[in-house]
Protein backbone atom coordinates (compact mmCIF):
# COMPACT_ATOMS: atom_id res chain seq x y z
CA MET A 1 0.47 0.11 -0.33
CA THR A 2 1.16 3.84 0.01
CA SER A 3 3.55 4.86 2.10
CA HIS A 4 1.61 8.55 1.99
CA PRO A 5 -0.81 7.72 4.95
CA SER A 6 -3.03 11.17 4.26
CA ILE A 7 -3.77 9.93 0.56
CA ARG A 8 -6.77 8.10 0.51
CA LYS A 9 -9.59 6.26 -2.31
CA VAL A 10 -12.66 7.68 -1.39
CA TYR A 11 -14.70 5.88 -4.43
CA PHE A 12 -14.59 2.66 -6.11
CA GLY A 13 -15.07 1.95 -9.08
CA THR A 14 -15.47 5.20 -12.14
CA THR A 15 -17.74 8.05 -11.62
CA ASP A 16 -20.43 9.26 -13.94
CA ARG A 17 -20.28 13.10 -13.91
CA HIS A 18 -23.17 13.10 -11.43
CA GLN A 19 -20.91 11.04 -9.18
CA MET A 20 -17.79 12.89 -9.86
CA PHE A 21 -19.33 16.36 -8.96
CA ARG A 22 -20.71 14.92 -6.24
CA LEU A 23 -17.91 13.67 -4.86
CA PHE A 24 -16.14 16.97 -5.12
CA ASP A 25 -17.75 17.71 -2.07
CA ARG A 26 -18.02 15.07 0.27
CA HIS A 27 -18.45 17.19 3.63
CA ALA A 28 -20.54 19.95 2.21
CA GLU A 29 -23.26 19.24 4.68
CA ARG A 30 -20.11 19.55 7.92
CA PRO A 31 -21.00 21.78 10.70
CA ASN A 32 -19.45 25.19 11.19
CA ARG A 33 -18.57 24.50 6.79
CA TRP A 34 -17.23 28.39 6.76
CA GLN A 35 -15.97 28.70 10.38
CA ASN A 36 -12.79 26.58 10.45
CA ASP A 37 -9.68 25.91 7.55
CA ASP A 38 -10.83 22.72 6.19
CA SER A 39 -7.81 21.52 4.36
CA ALA A 40 -7.30 18.39 5.94
CA LEU A 41 -10.87 16.91 5.30
CA TYR A 42 -10.00 17.24 1.32
CA ALA A 43 -6.04 17.30 1.25
CA GLY A 44 -5.14 13.27 0.16
CA GLU A 45 -8.84 12.52 -1.27
CA TRP A 46 -8.79 10.42 -4.98
CA PHE A 47 -10.85 8.35 -7.04
CA GLU A 48 -11.01 7.29 -10.30
CA ILE A 49 -13.15 9.14 -13.39
CA ALA A 50 -14.16 8.79 -17.27
CA GLN A 51 -12.33 10.13 -19.96
CA ALA A 52 -15.32 12.75 -20.55
CA GLN A 53 -15.43 13.90 -17.45
CA HIS A 54 -11.63 13.92 -17.53
CA ASP A 55 -11.67 16.12 -21.06
CA TYR A 56 -14.86 18.52 -19.57
CA MET A 57 -12.83 19.66 -16.49
CA LEU A 58 -9.99 20.61 -18.60
CA GLU A 59 -12.29 22.74 -21.36
CA ILE A 60 -14.00 24.31 -18.24
CA LEU A 61 -11.42 26.71 -17.40
CA PRO A 62 -8.42 27.90 -18.36
CA PRO A 63 -5.80 25.24 -16.06
CA LEU A 64 -3.45 26.61 -13.31
CA TRP A 65 -0.25 24.83 -14.75
CA MET A 66 -0.28 21.83 -16.76
CA ARG A 67 2.31 18.83 -16.31
CA GLY A 68 3.24 15.95 -18.13
CA GLU A 69 0.05 14.04 -17.29
CA MET A 70 -1.54 16.20 -15.21
CA PHE A 71 -3.21 19.68 -14.64
CA ALA A 72 -3.96 21.95 -12.32
CA MET A 73 -7.88 23.49 -11.59
CA ARG A 74 -7.37 27.39 -11.36
CA GLU A 75 -9.41 27.85 -8.92
CA PHE A 76 -8.86 26.48 -5.48
CA LEU A 77 -11.23 24.29 -2.85
CA THR A 78 -9.93 25.79 0.40
CA GLY A 79 -6.60 27.27 1.20
CA SER A 80 -4.07 25.85 -1.00
CA ILE A 81 -6.02 22.64 -2.09
CA ALA A 82 -7.01 22.49 -5.36
CA SER A 83 -8.22 20.06 -8.02
CA VAL A 84 -5.48 18.28 -9.70
CA PHE A 85 -6.33 15.90 -12.82
CA TYR A 86 -4.31 12.88 -14.02
CA THR A 87 -3.72 10.65 -17.45
CA LEU A 88 -2.19 7.59 -16.11
CA SER A 89 -0.92 4.71 -17.36
CA ILE A 90 -1.44 1.58 -15.28
CA ASN A 91 -1.06 -1.80 -16.42
CA GLY A 92 -1.07 -1.06 -19.82
CA VAL A 93 -4.35 0.84 -19.72
CA THR A 94 -5.15 4.71 -19.42
CA ARG A 95 -7.22 6.14 -16.64
CA TYR A 96 -8.36 8.67 -15.53
CA PHE A 97 -8.37 10.25 -11.62
CA HIS A 98 -9.32 13.62 -9.96
CA ALA A 99 -7.25 13.97 -6.50
CA TYR A 100 -7.22 16.89 -3.85
CA CYS A 101 -3.78 18.71 -3.38
CA ASP A 102 -1.86 20.82 -1.00
CA LEU A 103 -0.52 22.95 -3.86
CA SER A 104 1.90 24.65 -0.69
CA ASP A 105 3.90 21.01 -1.10
CA PRO A 106 6.07 20.74 -4.52
CA ARG A 107 5.70 17.33 -3.63
CA SER A 108 2.08 16.91 -3.53
CA VAL A 109 0.73 16.27 -6.52
CA TYR A 110 3.75 13.45 -7.62
CA ASP A 111 3.34 12.14 -4.11
CA MET A 112 -0.34 11.86 -5.42
CA ARG A 113 0.51 10.25 -8.31
CA ASP A 114 2.76 7.76 -7.40
CA ALA A 115 0.45 6.58 -4.24
CA ILE A 116 -2.33 6.52 -7.03
CA VAL A 117 0.07 4.13 -9.77
CA GLU A 118 1.11 2.03 -6.63
CA ARG A 119 -2.95 1.05 -5.17
CA GLU A 120 -4.32 0.87 -8.46
CA ARG A 121 -1.13 -1.50 -10.14
CA GLN A 122 -2.46 -3.73 -7.13
CA PRO A 123 -2.68 -7.61 -8.91
CA VAL A 124 -5.67 -8.23 -7.10
CA LYS A 125 -8.34 -6.40 -6.43
CA ALA A 126 -8.74 -5.86 -2.30
CA MET A 127 -10.23 -2.77 -0.28
CA THR A 128 -8.92 -1.99 3.25
CA ARG A 129 -11.02 -0.88 6.35
CA ASP A 130 -10.95 2.44 5.55
CA GLU A 131 -11.35 2.22 2.06
CA ARG A 132 -14.63 0.60 2.86
CA ILE A 133 -15.79 2.86 4.94
CA GLU A 134 -14.53 5.67 2.68
CA HIS A 135 -16.67 4.29 -0.23
CA ILE A 136 -19.56 3.72 1.89
CA TRP A 137 -19.39 7.70 2.70
CA SER A 138 -18.95 8.69 -0.77
CA ALA A 139 -21.91 6.74 -2.02
CA THR A 140 -24.78 7.76 0.90
CA HIS A 141 -27.42 10.26 0.13
CA ASP A 142 -27.18 12.98 2.30
CA LYS A 143 -30.79 11.97 3.54
CA TYR A 144 -29.53 9.02 5.06
CA ARG A 145 -25.66 10.00 6.44
CA GLY A 146 -24.78 13.11 8.59
CA TYR A 147 -22.67 14.36 11.68
CA ALA A 148 -23.34 12.90 15.26
CA GLY A 149 -25.16 15.80 17.38
CA ASP A 150 -25.95 16.26 20.75
CA ASP A 151 -27.55 12.78 21.26
CA PHE A 152 -23.82 11.26 21.22
CA ARG A 153 -21.22 11.43 23.44
CA PRO A 154 -19.69 14.60 23.71
CA GLU A 155 -16.81 13.74 22.28
CA HIS A 156 -18.49 11.87 19.14
CA ARG A 157 -19.90 15.17 18.19
CA GLY A 158 -19.40 15.77 15.07
CA LYS A 159 -18.01 12.93 13.67
CA ARG A 160 -19.50 11.32 10.80
CA THR A 161 -22.42 8.97 10.72
CA VAL A 162 -24.61 7.04 8.58
CA ILE A 163 -28.02 5.37 9.33
CA VAL A 164 -27.93 1.62 9.90
CA TYR A 165 -31.03 -0.48 9.68
CA ALA A 166 -32.26 -2.63 12.55
CA LYS A 167 -34.96 -3.90 14.61
CA PRO A 168 -36.64 -2.70 15.93
CA VAL A 169 -35.27 0.81 15.80
CA THR A 170 -33.36 2.34 12.75
CA ARG A 171 -30.72 5.25 13.73
CA PHE A 172 -27.98 6.83 12.74
CA GLU A 173 -24.41 5.49 14.16
CA LEU A 174 -21.17 6.34 13.69
CA LEU A 175 -19.36 5.48 10.78
CA GLU A 176 -15.86 4.68 12.13
CA SER A 177 -17.40 2.49 14.58
CA LEU A 178 -19.86 0.13 12.04
CA THR A 179 -19.09 -3.35 12.37
CA ASP A 180 -17.85 -5.70 9.76
CA GLN A 181 -21.24 -6.73 8.91
CA GLN A 182 -22.85 -3.41 8.93
CA ILE A 183 -20.00 -2.27 6.33
CA SER A 184 -20.67 -5.42 3.98
CA GLU A 185 -24.49 -4.77 4.01
CA LYS A 186 -23.87 -1.00 2.94
CA LEU A 187 -21.69 -1.93 0.02
CA PRO A 188 -23.08 -2.95 -2.87
CA VAL A 189 -23.29 -6.44 -4.00
CA HIS A 190 -19.87 -6.45 -6.35
CA LEU A 191 -17.58 -5.35 -3.20
CA ARG A 192 -19.07 -7.10 -0.37
CA HIS A 193 -16.60 -9.91 -0.86
CA LEU A 194 -13.59 -8.48 -1.58
CA PRO A 195 -10.18 -9.42 0.46
CA LEU A 196 -8.72 -6.78 2.90
CA PRO A 197 -4.61 -6.18 0.82
CA GLU A 198 -2.92 -8.09 3.76
CA ALA A 199 -5.01 -11.61 2.80
CA ALA A 200 -4.99 -10.74 -1.25
């Protein structure tokens, strides 16, 4: 796996245009959205997009810069965090990716590229627990996810929650505390039985 722990894959599969725009701000409903520097929420997130989405984003505005297989969007998301789009050849196949990089660090775009290639070159398709949790958050509609409020213990308030269907009560639970069974139930069928990378 990657040697950059802050770099994380947040969605499995190739997004369509609607999914791509939704994933651009996976944290839109967070509490105190405009009161904090939330750069750490975004820096290091990446996911795969289709060529059509990559080309659309290249044409929508003149890029801030272009370097070989990558370009950066002119508009910053927050602080020094910007969208960087990649065209990468992985195992002989050209693929396209979006990532949030901290442009105050000149190495960030290269570290991101290397981490994506390393992750996607794995010979066996597998998902870590963290990747499963991030995919669930990314794929869950805003109506069925949120942030812990006053009905949670003080140390958990503000953490991400998702709705869990259980008898006799359906309730919101902390995303990070989901059991393996709950994670499996929330993943799409084609992802439920993927091994952990350590067991791959």
